[in-house]
Amino acid sequence: MPHLLAKLKNVPLTIIKETLERDKAFHAENNMFLEHIWQNADDQNEVLFLFRIDAIDRTKNLIDKLHSDALKQDPSANLPEMTYLK
């Protein structure tokens, strides 16, 4: 089963948790299910979260579009680094 590991820096863990909770329905509609969230023990400014996904290509296309749209609105947007896992 594929997964998506996201790493985001310089956003407090509480804000990320609130955002993920608010976006839970959208993620579910797109077959993205949050499984874990961690704060890096060595870097308090880094949070990692893991989604179970159904298809890497479909999820990657969605994320690429969302990130592209976000960068059009704000070229300096702080976006998570995505790693797709088989």
PDB file of N, CA and C in Angstrom:
ATOM      1  N   MET A   1       0.845  -1.181   0.000  1.00  0.00           N
ATOM      2  CA  MET A   1       0.000   0.000   0.000  1.00  0.00           C
ATOM      3  C   MET A   1       0.887   1.239   0.000  1.00  0.00           C
ATOM      4  N   PRO A   2       0.640   2.179  -0.905  1.00  0.00           N
ATOM      5  CA  PRO A   2       1.468   3.380  -0.975  1.00  0.00           C
ATOM      6  C   PRO A   2       1.145   4.365   0.150  1.00  0.00           C
ATOM      7  N   HIS A   3       2.137   5.170   0.444  1.00  0.00           N
ATOM      8  CA  HIS A   3       2.010   6.217   1.458  1.00  0.00           C
ATOM      9  C   HIS A   3       2.634   7.499   0.947  1.00  0.00           C
ATOM     10  N   LEU A   4       2.281   8.578   1.591  1.00  0.00           N
ATOM     11  CA  LEU A   4       2.854   9.891   1.325  1.00  0.00           C
ATOM     12  C   LEU A   4       3.377  10.424   2.649  1.00  0.00           C
ATOM     13  N   LEU A   5       4.664  10.715   2.686  1.00  0.00           N
ATOM     14  CA  LEU A   5       5.290  11.312   3.857  1.00  0.00           C
ATOM     15  C   LEU A   5       5.518  12.789   3.558  1.00  0.00           C
ATOM     16  N   ALA A   6       4.950  13.645   4.370  1.00  0.00           N
ATOM     17  CA  ALA A   6       5.090  15.087   4.196  1.00  0.00           C
ATOM     18  C   ALA A   6       5.941  15.646   5.329  1.00  0.00           C
ATOM     19  N   LYS A   7       6.835  16.565   4.972  1.00  0.00           N
ATOM     20  CA  LYS A   7       7.687  17.217   5.969  1.00  0.00           C
ATOM     21  C   LYS A   7       7.498  18.719   5.807  1.00  0.00           C
ATOM     22  N   LEU A   8       7.149  19.368   6.916  1.00  0.00           N
ATOM     23  CA  LEU A   8       6.906  20.807   6.894  1.00  0.00           C
ATOM     24  C   LEU A   8       7.716  21.462   8.000  1.00  0.00           C
ATOM     25  N   LYS A   9       8.341  22.574   7.660  1.00  0.00           N
ATOM     26  CA  LYS A   9       9.173  23.297   8.626  1.00  0.00           C
ATOM     27  C   LYS A   9       8.546  24.643   8.966  1.00  0.00           C
ATOM     28  N   ASN A  10       8.861  25.099  10.164  1.00  0.00           N
ATOM     29  CA  ASN A  10       8.510  26.442  10.628  1.00  0.00           C
ATOM     30  C   ASN A  10       7.010  26.692  10.760  1.00  0.00           C
ATOM     31  N   VAL A  11       6.265  25.632  11.070  1.00  0.00           N
ATOM     32  CA  VAL A  11       4.842  25.751  11.386  1.00  0.00           C
ATOM     33  C   VAL A  11       4.627  24.946  12.666  1.00  0.00           C
ATOM     34  N   PRO A  12       4.050  25.558  13.688  1.00  0.00           N
ATOM     35  CA  PRO A  12       3.848  24.837  14.951  1.00  0.00           C
ATOM     36  C   PRO A  12       2.989  23.587  14.767  1.00  0.00           C
ATOM     37  N   LEU A  13       3.312  22.562  15.522  1.00  0.00           N
ATOM     38  CA  LEU A  13       2.593  21.294  15.467  1.00  0.00           C
ATOM     39  C   LEU A  13       1.093  21.499  15.666  1.00  0.00           C
ATOM     40  N   THR A  14       0.713  22.360  16.589  1.00  0.00           N
ATOM     41  CA  THR A  14      -0.718  22.586  16.855  1.00  0.00           C
ATOM     42  C   THR A  14      -1.432  23.128  15.613  1.00  0.00           C
ATOM     43  N   ILE A  15      -0.792  24.006  14.875  1.00  0.00           N
ATOM     44  CA  ILE A  15      -1.384  24.576  13.656  1.00  0.00           C
ATOM     45  C   ILE A  15      -1.530  23.494  12.594  1.00  0.00           C
ATOM     46  N   ILE A  16      -0.514  22.660  12.452  1.00  0.00           N
ATOM     47  CA  ILE A  16      -0.580  21.582  11.465  1.00  0.00           C
ATOM     48  C   ILE A  16      -1.699  20.615  11.825  1.00  0.00           C
ATOM     49  N   LYS A  17      -1.821  20.258  13.100  1.00  0.00           N
ATOM     50  CA  LYS A  17      -2.903  19.354  13.521  1.00  0.00           C
ATOM     51  C   LYS A  17      -4.268  19.967  13.223  1.00  0.00           C
ATOM     52  N   GLU A  18      -4.441  21.255  13.508  1.00  0.00           N
ATOM     53  CA  GLU A  18      -5.711  21.930  13.238  1.00  0.00           C
ATOM     54  C   GLU A  18      -6.017  21.931  11.743  1.00  0.00           C
ATOM     55  N   THR A  19      -5.010  22.204  10.938  1.00  0.00           N
ATOM     56  CA  THR A  19      -5.193  22.240   9.484  1.00  0.00           C
ATOM     57  C   THR A  19      -5.554  20.865   8.944  1.00  0.00           C
ATOM     58  N   LEU A  20      -4.851  19.844   9.407  1.00  0.00           N
ATOM     59  CA  LEU A  20      -5.147  18.483   8.943  1.00  0.00           C
ATOM     60  C   LEU A  20      -6.555  18.051   9.367  1.00  0.00           C
ATOM     61  N   GLU A  21      -6.976  18.439  10.541  1.00  0.00           N
ATOM     62  CA  GLU A  21      -8.333  18.110  10.995  1.00  0.00           C
ATOM     63  C   GLU A  21      -9.367  18.839  10.136  1.00  0.00           C
ATOM     64  N   ARG A  22      -9.123  20.107   9.851  1.00  0.00           N
ATOM     65  CA  ARG A  22     -10.042  20.897   9.028  1.00  0.00           C
ATOM     66  C   ARG A  22     -10.142  20.329   7.610  1.00  0.00           C
ATOM     67  N   ASP A  23      -9.029  19.790   7.084  1.00  0.00           N
ATOM     68  CA  ASP A  23      -8.986  19.278   5.715  1.00  0.00           C
ATOM     69  C   ASP A  23      -9.273  17.780   5.616  1.00  0.00           C
ATOM     70  N   LYS A  24      -9.671  17.172   6.724  1.00  0.00           N
ATOM     71  CA  LYS A  24      -9.861  15.721   6.780  1.00  0.00           C
ATOM     72  C   LYS A  24     -10.847  15.221   5.713  1.00  0.00           C
ATOM     73  N   ALA A  25     -11.968  15.885   5.536  1.00  0.00           N
ATOM     74  CA  ALA A  25     -12.968  15.456   4.550  1.00  0.00           C
ATOM     75  C   ALA A  25     -12.406  15.552   3.135  1.00  0.00           C
ATOM     76  N   PHE A  26     -11.709  16.638   2.833  1.00  0.00           N
ATOM     77  CA  PHE A  26     -11.091  16.791   1.507  1.00  0.00           C
ATOM     78  C   PHE A  26     -10.089  15.671   1.262  1.00  0.00           C
ATOM     79  N   HIS A  27      -9.259  15.399   2.258  1.00  0.00           N
ATOM     80  CA  HIS A  27      -8.277  14.324   2.110  1.00  0.00           C
ATOM     81  C   HIS A  27      -8.982  12.986   1.868  1.00  0.00           C
ATOM     82  N   ALA A  28     -10.025  12.694   2.629  1.00  0.00           N
ATOM     83  CA  ALA A  28     -10.746  11.427   2.470  1.00  0.00           C
ATOM     84  C   ALA A  28     -11.364  11.319   1.075  1.00  0.00           C
ATOM     85  N   GLU A  29     -11.924  12.425   0.578  1.00  0.00           N
ATOM     86  CA  GLU A  29     -12.499  12.423  -0.772  1.00  0.00           C
ATOM     87  C   GLU A  29     -11.446  12.072  -1.814  1.00  0.00           C
ATOM     88  N   ASN A  30     -10.198  12.353  -1.506  1.00  0.00           N
ATOM     89  CA  ASN A  30      -9.096  12.109  -2.430  1.00  0.00           C
ATOM     90  C   ASN A  30      -8.247  10.909  -2.008  1.00  0.00           C
ATOM     91  N   ASN A  31      -8.849  10.046  -1.204  1.00  0.00           N
ATOM     92  CA  ASN A  31      -8.208   8.795  -0.777  1.00  0.00           C
ATOM     93  C   ASN A  31      -6.856   9.016  -0.107  1.00  0.00           C
ATOM     94  N   MET A  32      -6.824  10.001   0.770  1.00  0.00           N
ATOM     95  CA  MET A  32      -5.644  10.295   1.584  1.00  0.00           C
ATOM     96  C   MET A  32      -6.087  10.208   3.044  1.00  0.00           C
ATOM     97  N   PHE A  33      -5.483   9.285   3.785  1.00  0.00           N
ATOM     98  CA  PHE A  33      -5.913   9.053   5.160  1.00  0.00           C
ATOM     99  C   PHE A  33      -4.720   9.216   6.094  1.00  0.00           C
ATOM    100  N   LEU A  34      -4.803  10.206   6.965  1.00  0.00           N
ATOM    101  CA  LEU A  34      -3.719  10.493   7.900  1.00  0.00           C
ATOM    102  C   LEU A  34      -3.533   9.328   8.857  1.00  0.00           C
ATOM    103  N   GLU A  35      -2.301   8.837   8.944  1.00  0.00           N
ATOM    104  CA  GLU A  35      -2.009   7.724   9.843  1.00  0.00           C
ATOM    105  C   GLU A  35      -1.167   8.154  11.040  1.00  0.00           C
ATOM    106  N   HIS A  36      -0.216   9.042  10.831  1.00  0.00           N
ATOM    107  CA  HIS A  36       0.662   9.460  11.922  1.00  0.00           C
ATOM    108  C   HIS A  36       1.098  10.906  11.711  1.00  0.00           C
ATOM    109  N   ILE A  37       1.417  11.537  12.805  1.00  0.00           N
ATOM    110  CA  ILE A  37       2.019  12.871  12.772  1.00  0.00           C
ATOM    111  C   ILE A  37       3.080  12.907  13.868  1.00  0.00           C
ATOM    112  N   TRP A  38       4.255  13.435  13.530  1.00  0.00           N
ATOM    113  CA  TRP A  38       5.357  13.494  14.477  1.00  0.00           C
ATOM    114  C   TRP A  38       6.016  14.867  14.432  1.00  0.00           C
ATOM    115  N   GLN A  39       6.557  15.251  15.573  1.00  0.00           N
ATOM    116  CA  GLN A  39       7.446  16.408  15.615  1.00  0.00           C
ATOM    117  C   GLN A  39       8.857  15.853  15.711  1.00  0.00           C
ATOM    118  N   ASN A  40       9.737  16.350  14.886  1.00  0.00           N
ATOM    119  CA  ASN A  40      11.119  15.887  14.866  1.00  0.00           C
ATOM    120  C   ASN A  40      11.756  16.179  16.223  1.00  0.00           C
ATOM    121  N   ALA A  41      12.289  15.159  16.868  1.00  0.00           N
ATOM    122  CA  ALA A  41      12.896  15.317  18.192  1.00  0.00           C
ATOM    123  C   ALA A  41      14.178  16.140  18.135  1.00  0.00           C
ATOM    124  N   ASP A  42      14.837  16.148  16.987  1.00  0.00           N
ATOM    125  CA  ASP A  42      16.088  16.895  16.840  1.00  0.00           C
ATOM    126  C   ASP A  42      15.896  18.288  16.268  1.00  0.00           C
ATOM    127  N   ASP A  43      14.707  18.573  15.750  1.00  0.00           N
ATOM    128  CA  ASP A  43      14.429  19.881  15.157  1.00  0.00           C
ATOM    129  C   ASP A  43      12.973  20.222  15.453  1.00  0.00           C
ATOM    130  N   GLN A  44      12.748  21.021  16.481  1.00  0.00           N
ATOM    131  CA  GLN A  44      11.393  21.365  16.918  1.00  0.00           C
ATOM    132  C   GLN A  44      10.618  22.144  15.858  1.00  0.00           C
ATOM    133  N   ASN A  45      11.309  22.645  14.831  1.00  0.00           N
ATOM    134  CA  ASN A  45      10.657  23.399  13.759  1.00  0.00           C
ATOM    135  C   ASN A  45      10.245  22.516  12.593  1.00  0.00           C
ATOM    136  N   GLU A  46      10.336  21.196  12.764  1.00  0.00           N
ATOM    137  CA  GLU A  46      10.012  20.276  11.677  1.00  0.00           C
ATOM    138  C   GLU A  46       8.961  19.270  12.137  1.00  0.00           C
ATOM    139  N   VAL A  47       7.916  19.136  11.326  1.00  0.00           N
ATOM    140  CA  VAL A  47       6.844  18.188  11.597  1.00  0.00           C
ATOM    141  C   VAL A  47       6.710  17.281  10.375  1.00  0.00           C
ATOM    142  N   LEU A  48       6.511  15.987  10.642  1.00  0.00           N
ATOM    143  CA  LEU A  48       6.311  15.010   9.580  1.00  0.00           C
ATOM    144  C   LEU A  48       4.950  14.362   9.776  1.00  0.00           C
ATOM    145  N   PHE A  49       4.270  14.102   8.673  1.00  0.00           N
ATOM    146  CA  PHE A  49       2.995  13.413   8.768  1.00  0.00           C
ATOM    147  C   PHE A  49       2.862  12.441   7.612  1.00  0.00           C
ATOM    148  N   LEU A  50       2.199  11.322   7.898  1.00  0.00           N
ATOM    149  CA  LEU A  50       2.124  10.205   6.975  1.00  0.00           C
ATOM    150  C   LEU A  50       0.672   9.925   6.594  1.00  0.00           C
ATOM    151  N   PHE A  51       0.428   9.910   5.290  1.00  0.00           N
ATOM    152  CA  PHE A  51      -0.884   9.557   4.755  1.00  0.00           C
ATOM    153  C   PHE A  51      -0.808   8.199   4.074  1.00  0.00           C
ATOM    154  N   ARG A  52      -1.815   7.396   4.273  1.00  0.00           N
ATOM    155  CA  ARG A  52      -2.021   6.200   3.446  1.00  0.00           C
ATOM    156  C   ARG A  52      -2.798   6.685   2.233  1.00  0.00           C
ATOM    157  N   ILE A  53      -2.340   6.303   1.049  1.00  0.00           N
ATOM    158  CA  ILE A  53      -2.994   6.736  -0.182  1.00  0.00           C
ATOM    159  C   ILE A  53      -3.299   5.507  -1.039  1.00  0.00           C
ATOM    160  N   ASP A  54      -4.152   5.681  -2.048  1.00  0.00           N
ATOM    161  CA  ASP A  54      -4.487   4.535  -2.892  1.00  0.00           C
ATOM    162  C   ASP A  54      -3.654   4.466  -4.165  1.00  0.00           C
ATOM    163  N   ALA A  55      -3.219   5.611  -4.686  1.00  0.00           N
ATOM    164  CA  ALA A  55      -2.467   5.617  -5.944  1.00  0.00           C
ATOM    165  C   ALA A  55      -1.484   6.786  -5.952  1.00  0.00           C
ATOM    166  N   ILE A  56      -0.227   6.475  -6.099  1.00  0.00           N
ATOM    167  CA  ILE A  56       0.804   7.520  -6.073  1.00  0.00           C
ATOM    168  C   ILE A  56       0.580   8.539  -7.184  1.00  0.00           C
ATOM    169  N   ASP A  57       0.354   8.083  -8.411  1.00  0.00           N
ATOM    170  CA  ASP A  57       0.207   9.017  -9.535  1.00  0.00           C
ATOM    171  C   ASP A  57      -0.945   9.991  -9.324  1.00  0.00           C
ATOM    172  N   ARG A  58      -2.080   9.476  -8.888  1.00  0.00           N
ATOM    173  CA  ARG A  58      -3.254  10.330  -8.690  1.00  0.00           C
ATOM    174  C   ARG A  58      -2.993  11.347  -7.565  1.00  0.00           C
ATOM    175  N   THR A  59      -2.423  10.885  -6.463  1.00  0.00           N
ATOM    176  CA  THR A  59      -2.146  11.785  -5.337  1.00  0.00           C
ATOM    177  C   THR A  59      -1.081  12.809  -5.723  1.00  0.00           C
ATOM    178  N   LYS A  60      -0.062  12.350  -6.419  1.00  0.00           N
ATOM    179  CA  LYS A  60       1.006  13.262  -6.835  1.00  0.00           C
ATOM    180  C   LYS A  60       0.460  14.353  -7.757  1.00  0.00           C
ATOM    181  N   ASN A  61      -0.400  13.996  -8.682  1.00  0.00           N
ATOM    182  CA  ASN A  61      -1.007  15.000  -9.573  1.00  0.00           C
ATOM    183  C   ASN A  61      -1.826  16.013  -8.781  1.00  0.00           C
ATOM    184  N   LEU A  62      -2.594  15.535  -7.808  1.00  0.00           N
ATOM    185  CA  LEU A  62      -3.398  16.431  -6.970  1.00  0.00           C
ATOM    186  C   LEU A  62      -2.500  17.383  -6.184  1.00  0.00           C
ATOM    187  N   ILE A  63      -1.488  16.841  -5.523  1.00  0.00           N
ATOM    188  CA  ILE A  63      -0.591  17.670  -4.704  1.00  0.00           C
ATOM    189  C   ILE A  63       0.162  18.672  -5.580  1.00  0.00           C
ATOM    190  N   ASP A  64       0.640  18.222  -6.734  1.00  0.00           N
ATOM    191  CA  ASP A  64       1.354  19.133  -7.639  1.00  0.00           C
ATOM    192  C   ASP A  64       0.455  20.293  -8.050  1.00  0.00           C
ATOM    193  N   LYS A  65      -0.812  20.015  -8.335  1.00  0.00           N
ATOM    194  CA  LYS A  65      -1.735  21.083  -8.715  1.00  0.00           C
ATOM    195  C   LYS A  65      -1.999  22.025  -7.539  1.00  0.00           C
ATOM    196  N   LEU A  66      -2.244  21.458  -6.364  1.00  0.00           N
ATOM    197  CA  LEU A  66      -2.505  22.297  -5.186  1.00  0.00           C
ATOM    198  C   LEU A  66      -1.299  23.173  -4.859  1.00  0.00           C
ATOM    199  N   HIS A  67      -0.111  22.600  -4.922  1.00  0.00           N
ATOM    200  CA  HIS A  67       1.092  23.376  -4.612  1.00  0.00           C
ATOM    201  C   HIS A  67       1.354  24.431  -5.683  1.00  0.00           C
ATOM    202  N   SER A  68       1.126  24.090  -6.935  1.00  0.00           N
ATOM    203  CA  SER A  68       1.294  25.053  -8.020  1.00  0.00           C
ATOM    204  C   SER A  68       0.335  26.236  -7.840  1.00  0.00           C
ATOM    205  N   ASP A  69      -0.927  25.944  -7.511  1.00  0.00           N
ATOM    206  CA  ASP A  69      -1.915  27.005  -7.274  1.00  0.00           C
ATOM    207  C   ASP A  69      -1.503  27.869  -6.086  1.00  0.00           C
ATOM    208  N   ALA A  70      -1.017  27.247  -5.025  1.00  0.00           N
ATOM    209  CA  ALA A  70      -0.592  27.999  -3.838  1.00  0.00           C
ATOM    210  C   ALA A  70       0.579  28.914  -4.174  1.00  0.00           C
ATOM    211  N   LEU A  71       1.508  28.425  -4.971  1.00  0.00           N
ATOM    212  CA  LEU A  71       2.680  29.244  -5.339  1.00  0.00           C
ATOM    213  C   LEU A  71       2.300  30.392  -6.268  1.00  0.00           C
ATOM    214  N   LYS A  72       1.253  30.217  -7.064  1.00  0.00           N
ATOM    215  CA  LYS A  72       0.771  31.315  -7.910  1.00  0.00           C
ATOM    216  C   LYS A  72       0.218  32.441  -7.043  1.00  0.00           C
ATOM    217  N   GLN A  73      -0.463  32.065  -5.963  1.00  0.00           N
ATOM    218  CA  GLN A  73      -1.032  33.065  -5.054  1.00  0.00           C
ATOM    219  C   GLN A  73       0.040  33.695  -4.172  1.00  0.00           C
ATOM    220  N   ASP A  74       1.031  32.898  -3.772  1.00  0.00           N
ATOM    221  CA  ASP A  74       2.102  33.379  -2.897  1.00  0.00           C
ATOM    222  C   ASP A  74       3.386  32.623  -3.243  1.00  0.00           C
ATOM    223  N   PRO A  75       4.247  33.256  -4.039  1.00  0.00           N
ATOM    224  CA  PRO A  75       5.477  32.583  -4.471  1.00  0.00           C
ATOM    225  C   PRO A  75       6.393  32.151  -3.321  1.00  0.00           C
ATOM    226  N   SER A  76       6.199  32.701  -2.147  1.00  0.00           N
ATOM    227  CA  SER A  76       7.039  32.316  -1.012  1.00  0.00           C
ATOM    228  C   SER A  76       6.281  31.417  -0.026  1.00  0.00           C
ATOM    229  N   ALA A  77       5.199  30.788  -0.487  1.00  0.00           N
ATOM    230  CA  ALA A  77       4.396  29.922   0.383  1.00  0.00           C
ATOM    231  C   ALA A  77       5.267  28.811   0.973  1.00  0.00           C
ATOM    232  N   ASN A  78       5.035  28.522   2.233  1.00  0.00           N
ATOM    233  CA  ASN A  78       5.745  27.450   2.940  1.00  0.00           C
ATOM    234  C   ASN A  78       4.959  26.158   2.721  1.00  0.00           C
ATOM    235  N   LEU A  79       5.454  25.334   1.806  1.00  0.00           N
ATOM    236  CA  LEU A  79       4.762  24.098   1.453  1.00  0.00           C
ATOM    237  C   LEU A  79       5.546  22.891   1.940  1.00  0.00           C
ATOM    238  N   PRO A  80       4.849  21.817   2.278  1.00  0.00           N
ATOM    239  CA  PRO A  80       5.556  20.629   2.733  1.00  0.00           C
ATOM    240  C   PRO A  80       6.337  19.962   1.607  1.00  0.00           C
ATOM    241  N   GLU A  81       7.418  19.324   2.008  1.00  0.00           N
ATOM    242  CA  GLU A  81       8.195  18.483   1.095  1.00  0.00           C
ATOM    243  C   GLU A  81       7.534  17.113   1.097  1.00  0.00           C
ATOM    244  N   MET A  82       7.241  16.589  -0.090  1.00  0.00           N
ATOM    245  CA  MET A  82       6.513  15.331  -0.204  1.00  0.00           C
ATOM    246  C   MET A  82       7.445  14.206  -0.645  1.00  0.00           C
ATOM    247  N   THR A  83       7.302  13.055   0.006  1.00  0.00           N
ATOM    248  CA  THR A  83       8.003  11.844  -0.392  1.00  0.00           C
ATOM    249  C   THR A  83       6.966  10.752  -0.551  1.00  0.00           C
ATOM    250  N   TYR A  84       6.928  10.162  -1.732  1.00  0.00           N
ATOM    251  CA  TYR A  84       5.950   9.112  -2.043  1.00  0.00           C
ATOM    252  C   TYR A  84       6.621   7.761  -1.823  1.00  0.00           C
ATOM    253  N   LEU A  85       5.959   6.886  -1.080  1.00  0.00           N
ATOM    254  CA  LEU A  85       6.531   5.599  -0.684  1.00  0.00           C
ATOM    255  C   LEU A  85       5.691   4.460  -1.237  1.00  0.00           C
ATOM    256  N   LYS A  86       6.367   3.455  -1.814  1.00  0.00           N
ATOM    257  CA  LYS A  86       5.666   2.267  -2.332  1.00  0.00           C
ATOM    258  C   LYS A  86       5.546   1.242  -1.231  1.00  0.00           C
TER     259      LYS A  86
END
